[in-house]
């Protein structure tokens, strides 16, 4: 059973985002970005209340900007999805979850070290250049749903 409902176009959308945000971090880095996308859809809390589809997560606007920098800047995100990334996207949509992105709703690529919190949310770990953050305890049960 998949973690979330999705269509073929959702797979392609997640694949494009994974590649645009983390291609330089290889397969595992792209899987972690995909996991955050799925977590945001499942969470239904904090910054991610009311998101009901993959496209809602990808094209979410917060503070006047898209939540994902790749949507704003264009670059690789607007290229066609490739089969390798589509396979990785299906993995995250179906079952894949690993530390440090397992319960994370946020990530970013800082100039220096990963700060211990980001917008008040605790640091869970780093993979290559990205720092991952999950919700503070008891603030978002949905982030921990399978």
N, C-alpha and C. Protein backbone atom coordinates (compact mmCIF):
# COMPACT_ATOMS: atom_id res chain seq x y z
N UNK A 1 0.83 -1.18 0.00
CA UNK A 1 0.00 0.00 0.00
C UNK A 1 0.89 1.25 0.00
N UNK A 2 0.59 2.19 -0.85
CA UNK A 2 1.36 3.42 -0.97
C UNK A 2 1.13 4.32 0.25
N UNK A 3 2.12 5.15 0.55
CA UNK A 3 1.99 6.10 1.66
C UNK A 3 0.94 7.17 1.35
N UNK A 4 0.83 7.57 0.08
CA UNK A 4 -0.16 8.56 -0.35
C UNK A 4 -0.73 8.14 -1.70
N UNK A 5 -1.90 8.65 -2.03
CA UNK A 5 -2.47 8.42 -3.36
C UNK A 5 -1.73 9.29 -4.35
N UNK A 6 -1.49 8.74 -5.54
CA UNK A 6 -0.79 9.53 -6.55
C UNK A 6 -1.11 9.02 -7.95
N UNK A 7 -0.86 9.89 -8.92
CA UNK A 7 -1.05 9.57 -10.33
C UNK A 7 0.31 9.54 -11.02
N UNK A 8 0.32 9.15 -12.28
CA UNK A 8 1.58 9.18 -13.05
C UNK A 8 2.13 10.59 -13.16
N UNK A 9 1.25 11.58 -13.27
CA UNK A 9 1.74 12.96 -13.36
C UNK A 9 2.33 13.40 -12.02
N UNK A 10 1.82 12.89 -10.89
CA UNK A 10 2.42 13.17 -9.58
C UNK A 10 3.83 12.58 -9.49
N UNK A 11 3.99 11.37 -10.01
CA UNK A 11 5.31 10.72 -10.00
C UNK A 11 6.30 11.60 -10.77
N UNK A 12 5.89 12.07 -11.92
CA UNK A 12 6.76 12.92 -12.74
C UNK A 12 7.07 14.24 -12.02
N UNK A 13 6.09 14.81 -11.35
CA UNK A 13 6.28 16.07 -10.64
C UNK A 13 7.27 15.90 -9.49
N UNK A 14 7.10 14.85 -8.70
CA UNK A 14 8.02 14.57 -7.60
C UNK A 14 9.42 14.28 -8.16
N UNK A 15 9.51 13.53 -9.23
CA UNK A 15 10.80 13.22 -9.85
C UNK A 15 11.53 14.49 -10.28
N UNK A 16 10.79 15.41 -10.88
CA UNK A 16 11.39 16.67 -11.32
C UNK A 16 11.89 17.48 -10.12
N UNK A 17 11.11 17.51 -9.05
CA UNK A 17 11.51 18.26 -7.87
C UNK A 17 12.72 17.62 -7.19
N UNK A 18 12.73 16.30 -7.08
CA UNK A 18 13.85 15.61 -6.46
C UNK A 18 15.14 15.91 -7.21
N UNK A 19 15.08 15.85 -8.51
CA UNK A 19 16.27 16.12 -9.33
C UNK A 19 16.70 17.58 -9.19
N UNK A 20 15.74 18.50 -9.27
CA UNK A 20 16.06 19.92 -9.21
C UNK A 20 16.66 20.32 -7.86
N UNK A 21 16.17 19.73 -6.79
CA UNK A 21 16.63 20.10 -5.45
C UNK A 21 17.87 19.35 -4.99
N UNK A 22 18.11 18.14 -5.51
CA UNK A 22 19.18 17.33 -4.91
C UNK A 22 19.95 16.44 -5.88
N UNK A 23 19.92 16.72 -7.16
CA UNK A 23 20.65 15.87 -8.11
C UNK A 23 22.13 15.72 -7.73
N UNK A 24 22.74 16.79 -7.25
CA UNK A 24 24.14 16.74 -6.86
C UNK A 24 24.42 15.89 -5.63
N UNK A 25 23.37 15.47 -4.95
CA UNK A 25 23.54 14.64 -3.75
C UNK A 25 23.23 13.17 -4.02
N UNK A 26 23.07 12.84 -5.28
CA UNK A 26 22.89 11.45 -5.67
C UNK A 26 21.53 10.88 -5.31
N UNK A 27 21.44 9.58 -5.49
CA UNK A 27 20.19 8.85 -5.30
C UNK A 27 19.60 9.07 -3.90
N UNK A 28 20.42 8.91 -2.87
CA UNK A 28 19.94 9.03 -1.49
C UNK A 28 19.49 10.46 -1.18
N UNK A 29 20.21 11.45 -1.65
CA UNK A 29 19.80 12.83 -1.44
C UNK A 29 18.47 13.13 -2.11
N UNK A 30 18.27 12.60 -3.30
CA UNK A 30 16.99 12.81 -4.00
C UNK A 30 15.86 12.09 -3.27
N UNK A 31 16.11 10.89 -2.76
CA UNK A 31 15.08 10.17 -2.00
C UNK A 31 14.67 10.97 -0.76
N UNK A 32 15.62 11.60 -0.10
CA UNK A 32 15.30 12.38 1.10
C UNK A 32 14.41 13.58 0.77
N UNK A 33 14.69 14.25 -0.34
CA UNK A 33 13.83 15.36 -0.76
C UNK A 33 12.42 14.83 -1.06
N UNK A 34 12.33 13.71 -1.75
CA UNK A 34 11.03 13.11 -2.02
C UNK A 34 10.29 12.76 -0.75
N UNK A 35 11.01 12.29 0.24
CA UNK A 35 10.39 11.94 1.51
C UNK A 35 9.78 13.17 2.18
N UNK A 36 10.47 14.30 2.13
CA UNK A 36 9.93 15.53 2.71
C UNK A 36 8.64 15.93 1.99
N UNK A 37 8.59 15.77 0.69
CA UNK A 37 7.38 16.08 -0.08
C UNK A 37 6.21 15.24 0.43
N UNK A 38 6.43 13.93 0.56
CA UNK A 38 5.38 13.03 1.04
C UNK A 38 4.99 13.40 2.48
N UNK A 39 5.99 13.67 3.32
CA UNK A 39 5.69 14.04 4.71
C UNK A 39 4.81 15.28 4.78
N UNK A 40 5.08 16.26 3.94
CA UNK A 40 4.26 17.49 3.95
C UNK A 40 2.82 17.19 3.56
N UNK A 41 2.63 16.30 2.63
CA UNK A 41 1.27 15.94 2.23
C UNK A 41 0.55 15.20 3.36
N UNK A 42 1.24 14.33 4.06
CA UNK A 42 0.64 13.54 5.14
C UNK A 42 0.42 14.36 6.41
N UNK A 43 1.23 15.39 6.62
CA UNK A 43 1.25 16.11 7.90
C UNK A 43 -0.07 16.78 8.26
N UNK A 44 -0.64 17.57 7.38
CA UNK A 44 -1.87 18.32 7.62
C UNK A 44 -1.79 19.13 8.92
N UNK A 45 -0.68 19.83 9.12
CA UNK A 45 -0.49 20.65 10.31
C UNK A 45 0.53 21.74 10.00
N UNK A 46 0.68 22.65 10.94
CA UNK A 46 1.65 23.73 10.84
C UNK A 46 1.56 24.43 9.48
N UNK A 47 2.68 24.55 8.78
CA UNK A 47 2.71 25.22 7.48
C UNK A 47 2.01 24.43 6.38
N UNK A 48 1.62 23.21 6.66
CA UNK A 48 1.16 22.30 5.61
C UNK A 48 -0.28 21.82 5.80
N UNK A 49 -1.08 22.62 6.50
CA UNK A 49 -2.50 22.30 6.68
C UNK A 49 -3.26 22.44 5.38
N UNK A 50 -4.12 21.49 5.11
CA UNK A 50 -5.01 21.60 3.96
C UNK A 50 -4.42 21.18 2.63
N UNK A 51 -3.20 20.70 2.61
CA UNK A 51 -2.61 20.21 1.36
C UNK A 51 -3.19 18.83 1.08
N UNK A 52 -3.80 18.64 -0.11
CA UNK A 52 -4.49 17.39 -0.39
C UNK A 52 -3.94 16.63 -1.59
N UNK A 53 -2.95 17.19 -2.26
CA UNK A 53 -2.39 16.54 -3.45
C UNK A 53 -0.91 16.91 -3.57
N UNK A 54 -0.18 16.08 -4.27
CA UNK A 54 1.25 16.33 -4.51
C UNK A 54 1.45 17.72 -5.11
N UNK A 55 0.61 18.09 -6.07
CA UNK A 55 0.78 19.40 -6.71
C UNK A 55 0.58 20.53 -5.71
N UNK A 56 -0.28 20.35 -4.70
CA UNK A 56 -0.46 21.37 -3.66
C UNK A 56 0.84 21.57 -2.89
N UNK A 57 1.54 20.48 -2.61
CA UNK A 57 2.81 20.55 -1.88
C UNK A 57 3.86 21.24 -2.75
N UNK A 58 4.01 20.80 -3.97
CA UNK A 58 5.06 21.32 -4.85
C UNK A 58 4.86 22.81 -5.14
N UNK A 59 3.63 23.23 -5.38
CA UNK A 59 3.37 24.62 -5.78
C UNK A 59 2.87 25.49 -4.62
N UNK A 60 3.04 25.03 -3.39
CA UNK A 60 2.61 25.81 -2.24
C UNK A 60 3.39 27.13 -2.18
N UNK A 61 2.67 28.21 -1.89
CA UNK A 61 3.29 29.53 -1.72
C UNK A 61 3.19 29.91 -0.25
N UNK A 62 4.32 30.33 0.30
CA UNK A 62 4.37 30.80 1.69
C UNK A 62 5.15 32.12 1.69
N UNK A 63 4.60 33.11 2.33
CA UNK A 63 5.29 34.39 2.41
C UNK A 63 5.59 35.02 1.05
N UNK A 64 4.73 34.75 0.07
CA UNK A 64 4.90 35.34 -1.25
C UNK A 64 5.85 34.59 -2.17
N UNK A 65 6.43 33.49 -1.69
CA UNK A 65 7.35 32.69 -2.51
C UNK A 65 6.91 31.22 -2.50
N UNK A 66 7.31 30.51 -3.53
CA UNK A 66 7.08 29.07 -3.53
C UNK A 66 7.90 28.44 -2.42
N UNK A 67 7.36 27.40 -1.79
CA UNK A 67 8.06 26.71 -0.70
C UNK A 67 9.35 26.08 -1.18
N UNK A 68 9.36 25.59 -2.42
CA UNK A 68 10.57 24.97 -2.97
C UNK A 68 11.24 25.97 -3.92
N UNK A 69 12.48 26.24 -3.64
CA UNK A 69 13.25 27.20 -4.43
C UNK A 69 13.30 26.83 -5.91
N UNK A 70 13.32 25.56 -6.22
CA UNK A 70 13.42 25.11 -7.61
C UNK A 70 12.23 25.55 -8.46
N UNK A 71 11.05 25.67 -7.86
CA UNK A 71 9.87 26.13 -8.60
C UNK A 71 10.05 27.61 -8.95
N UNK A 72 10.56 28.37 -8.00
CA UNK A 72 10.77 29.80 -8.17
C UNK A 72 11.83 30.07 -9.23
N UNK A 73 12.94 29.37 -9.13
CA UNK A 73 14.08 29.65 -10.00
C UNK A 73 13.99 28.97 -11.37
N UNK A 74 13.11 27.98 -11.47
CA UNK A 74 13.00 27.29 -12.75
C UNK A 74 14.04 26.21 -12.88
N UNK A 75 15.14 26.51 -13.48
CA UNK A 75 16.25 25.60 -13.76
C UNK A 75 15.80 24.19 -14.12
N UNK A 76 16.34 23.23 -13.46
CA UNK A 76 16.11 21.81 -13.78
C UNK A 76 14.66 21.39 -13.57
N UNK A 77 13.95 22.03 -12.67
CA UNK A 77 12.58 21.63 -12.35
C UNK A 77 11.69 21.60 -13.58
N UNK A 78 11.93 22.47 -14.53
CA UNK A 78 11.05 22.54 -15.69
C UNK A 78 11.50 21.64 -16.85
N UNK A 79 12.50 20.81 -16.61
CA UNK A 79 12.87 19.78 -17.60
C UNK A 79 11.96 18.57 -17.41
N UNK A 80 11.90 17.72 -18.44
CA UNK A 80 11.10 16.49 -18.33
C UNK A 80 11.66 15.57 -17.26
N UNK A 81 10.77 14.82 -16.63
CA UNK A 81 11.21 13.82 -15.65
C UNK A 81 11.89 12.67 -16.38
N UNK A 82 12.98 12.20 -15.81
CA UNK A 82 13.71 11.07 -16.40
C UNK A 82 13.30 9.78 -15.68
N UNK A 83 13.47 8.67 -16.35
CA UNK A 83 13.01 7.40 -15.78
C UNK A 83 13.73 7.06 -14.47
N UNK A 84 15.01 7.38 -14.33
CA UNK A 84 15.73 7.08 -13.09
C UNK A 84 15.09 7.80 -11.90
N UNK A 85 14.79 9.09 -12.08
CA UNK A 85 14.17 9.84 -11.00
C UNK A 85 12.72 9.42 -10.77
N UNK A 86 12.02 9.00 -11.82
CA UNK A 86 10.65 8.51 -11.64
C UNK A 86 10.65 7.27 -10.74
N UNK A 87 11.62 6.39 -10.94
CA UNK A 87 11.71 5.20 -10.07
C UNK A 87 11.93 5.61 -8.61
N UNK A 88 12.81 6.59 -8.40
CA UNK A 88 13.05 7.07 -7.03
C UNK A 88 11.80 7.73 -6.46
N UNK A 89 11.09 8.51 -7.27
CA UNK A 89 9.86 9.16 -6.81
C UNK A 89 8.84 8.11 -6.38
N UNK A 90 8.68 7.06 -7.16
CA UNK A 90 7.75 5.99 -6.79
C UNK A 90 8.13 5.37 -5.45
N UNK A 91 9.43 5.20 -5.21
CA UNK A 91 9.88 4.64 -3.94
C UNK A 91 9.41 5.50 -2.77
N UNK A 92 9.59 6.81 -2.88
CA UNK A 92 9.18 7.68 -1.77
C UNK A 92 7.67 7.72 -1.62
N UNK A 93 6.96 7.71 -2.71
CA UNK A 93 5.49 7.74 -2.65
C UNK A 93 4.94 6.43 -2.09
N UNK A 94 5.62 5.34 -2.36
CA UNK A 94 5.14 4.02 -1.91
C UNK A 94 5.58 3.65 -0.50
N UNK A 95 6.87 3.82 -0.19
CA UNK A 95 7.33 3.27 1.09
C UNK A 95 8.58 3.89 1.69
N UNK A 96 9.41 4.58 0.95
CA UNK A 96 10.75 4.93 1.43
C UNK A 96 10.72 6.02 2.49
N UNK A 97 11.39 5.76 3.62
CA UNK A 97 11.58 6.73 4.71
C UNK A 97 12.85 6.37 5.44
N UNK A 98 13.78 7.31 5.56
CA UNK A 98 15.01 7.08 6.32
C UNK A 98 15.48 8.35 6.98
N UNK A 99 16.22 8.17 8.06
CA UNK A 99 16.84 9.29 8.77
C UNK A 99 17.88 9.92 7.84
N UNK A 100 18.04 11.24 7.83
CA UNK A 100 17.44 12.25 8.69
C UNK A 100 16.13 12.83 8.17
N UNK A 101 15.64 12.37 7.03
CA UNK A 101 14.40 12.94 6.48
C UNK A 101 13.14 12.17 6.90
N UNK A 102 13.28 11.13 7.67
CA UNK A 102 12.16 10.23 7.99
C UNK A 102 10.90 10.96 8.41
N UNK A 103 11.02 11.92 9.33
CA UNK A 103 9.86 12.68 9.81
C UNK A 103 9.98 14.17 9.47
N UNK A 104 10.95 14.52 8.68
CA UNK A 104 11.23 15.93 8.39
C UNK A 104 10.17 16.56 7.49
N UNK A 105 9.89 17.81 7.79
CA UNK A 105 8.99 18.62 6.96
C UNK A 105 9.76 19.75 6.28
N UNK A 106 10.98 19.99 6.71
CA UNK A 106 11.78 21.08 6.16
C UNK A 106 13.21 20.62 5.91
N UNK A 107 13.83 21.23 4.95
CA UNK A 107 15.26 21.06 4.71
C UNK A 107 15.76 22.31 4.02
N UNK A 108 17.05 22.54 4.14
CA UNK A 108 17.66 23.62 3.38
C UNK A 108 19.15 23.39 3.30
N UNK A 109 19.78 24.14 2.44
CA UNK A 109 21.21 24.04 2.17
C UNK A 109 21.86 25.32 2.67
N UNK A 110 22.42 25.31 3.89
CA UNK A 110 22.98 26.54 4.46
C UNK A 110 24.34 26.87 3.87
N UNK A 111 24.75 28.10 4.09
CA UNK A 111 26.09 28.53 3.67
C UNK A 111 27.13 27.89 4.57
N UNK A 112 26.84 27.74 5.85
CA UNK A 112 27.78 27.16 6.81
C UNK A 112 27.22 25.90 7.44
N UNK A 113 27.42 25.80 8.75
CA UNK A 113 26.93 24.64 9.51
C UNK A 113 25.41 24.65 9.63
N UNK A 114 24.84 23.48 9.86
CA UNK A 114 23.40 23.38 10.10
C UNK A 114 23.09 23.98 11.46
N UNK A 115 22.16 24.94 11.54
CA UNK A 115 21.78 25.47 12.85
C UNK A 115 20.99 24.43 13.65
N UNK A 116 21.00 24.52 14.98
CA UNK A 116 20.30 23.53 15.81
C UNK A 116 18.78 23.59 15.66
N UNK A 117 18.25 24.73 15.23
CA UNK A 117 16.83 24.84 14.92
C UNK A 117 16.70 25.67 13.65
N UNK A 118 15.58 25.53 12.99
CA UNK A 118 15.28 26.33 11.81
C UNK A 118 13.82 26.73 11.92
N UNK A 119 13.57 28.02 12.04
CA UNK A 119 12.23 28.54 12.30
C UNK A 119 11.60 27.83 13.50
N UNK A 120 12.41 27.59 14.51
CA UNK A 120 11.93 26.98 15.75
C UNK A 120 11.78 25.48 15.73
N UNK A 121 12.13 24.84 14.62
CA UNK A 121 11.98 23.38 14.51
C UNK A 121 13.34 22.70 14.71
N UNK A 122 13.37 21.56 15.41
CA UNK A 122 14.65 20.92 15.74
C UNK A 122 15.34 20.23 14.56
N UNK A 123 16.64 20.34 14.55
CA UNK A 123 17.53 19.70 13.58
C UNK A 123 17.51 18.20 13.80
N UNK A 124 17.34 17.41 12.72
CA UNK A 124 17.35 15.96 12.87
C UNK A 124 18.57 15.31 12.25
N UNK A 125 19.25 16.02 11.38
CA UNK A 125 20.45 15.46 10.78
C UNK A 125 20.77 16.13 9.46
N UNK A 126 21.90 15.75 8.93
CA UNK A 126 22.38 16.33 7.68
C UNK A 126 22.76 15.21 6.72
N UNK A 127 22.45 15.42 5.46
CA UNK A 127 22.94 14.54 4.41
C UNK A 127 23.59 15.43 3.36
N UNK A 128 24.87 15.24 3.18
CA UNK A 128 25.67 16.08 2.29
C UNK A 128 25.42 17.54 2.60
N UNK A 129 24.86 18.31 1.67
CA UNK A 129 24.70 19.75 1.91
C UNK A 129 23.38 20.14 2.57
N UNK A 130 22.42 19.22 2.66
CA UNK A 130 21.10 19.57 3.18
C UNK A 130 20.96 19.25 4.67
N UNK A 131 20.37 20.19 5.40
CA UNK A 131 20.03 20.03 6.81
C UNK A 131 18.54 19.73 6.89
N UNK A 132 18.15 18.78 7.72
CA UNK A 132 16.74 18.35 7.84
C UNK A 132 16.20 18.68 9.22
N UNK A 133 14.91 19.07 9.23
CA UNK A 133 14.24 19.50 10.45
C UNK A 133 12.85 18.88 10.53
N UNK A 134 12.52 18.35 11.71
CA UNK A 134 11.18 17.80 11.92
C UNK A 134 10.44 18.69 12.92
N UNK A 135 9.13 18.52 13.02
CA UNK A 135 8.36 19.38 13.92
C UNK A 135 8.72 19.17 15.38
N UNK A 136 8.58 20.24 16.16
CA UNK A 136 8.75 20.13 17.60
C UNK A 136 7.81 19.06 18.13
N UNK A 137 8.21 18.39 19.19
CA UNK A 137 7.39 17.33 19.80
C UNK A 137 5.98 17.83 20.08
N UNK A 138 5.00 16.98 19.80
CA UNK A 138 3.58 17.23 20.09
C UNK A 138 2.97 18.41 19.33
N UNK A 139 3.55 18.78 18.18
CA UNK A 139 2.98 19.87 17.40
C UNK A 139 2.42 19.42 16.06
N UNK A 140 2.73 18.18 15.65
CA UNK A 140 2.30 17.73 14.33
C UNK A 140 2.30 16.21 14.24
N UNK A 141 1.28 15.60 14.77
CA UNK A 141 1.21 14.14 14.76
C UNK A 141 1.23 13.58 13.34
N UNK A 142 0.66 14.31 12.38
CA UNK A 142 0.60 13.84 11.01
C UNK A 142 1.95 13.58 10.38
N UNK A 143 2.99 14.25 10.86
CA UNK A 143 4.33 14.05 10.30
C UNK A 143 4.86 12.65 10.60
N UNK A 144 4.27 12.00 11.59
CA UNK A 144 4.76 10.69 12.01
C UNK A 144 3.89 9.54 11.50
N UNK A 145 2.86 9.87 10.73
CA UNK A 145 2.00 8.83 10.15
C UNK A 145 2.74 8.06 9.07
N UNK A 146 2.45 6.79 8.97
CA UNK A 146 3.04 5.99 7.90
C UNK A 146 2.51 6.50 6.60
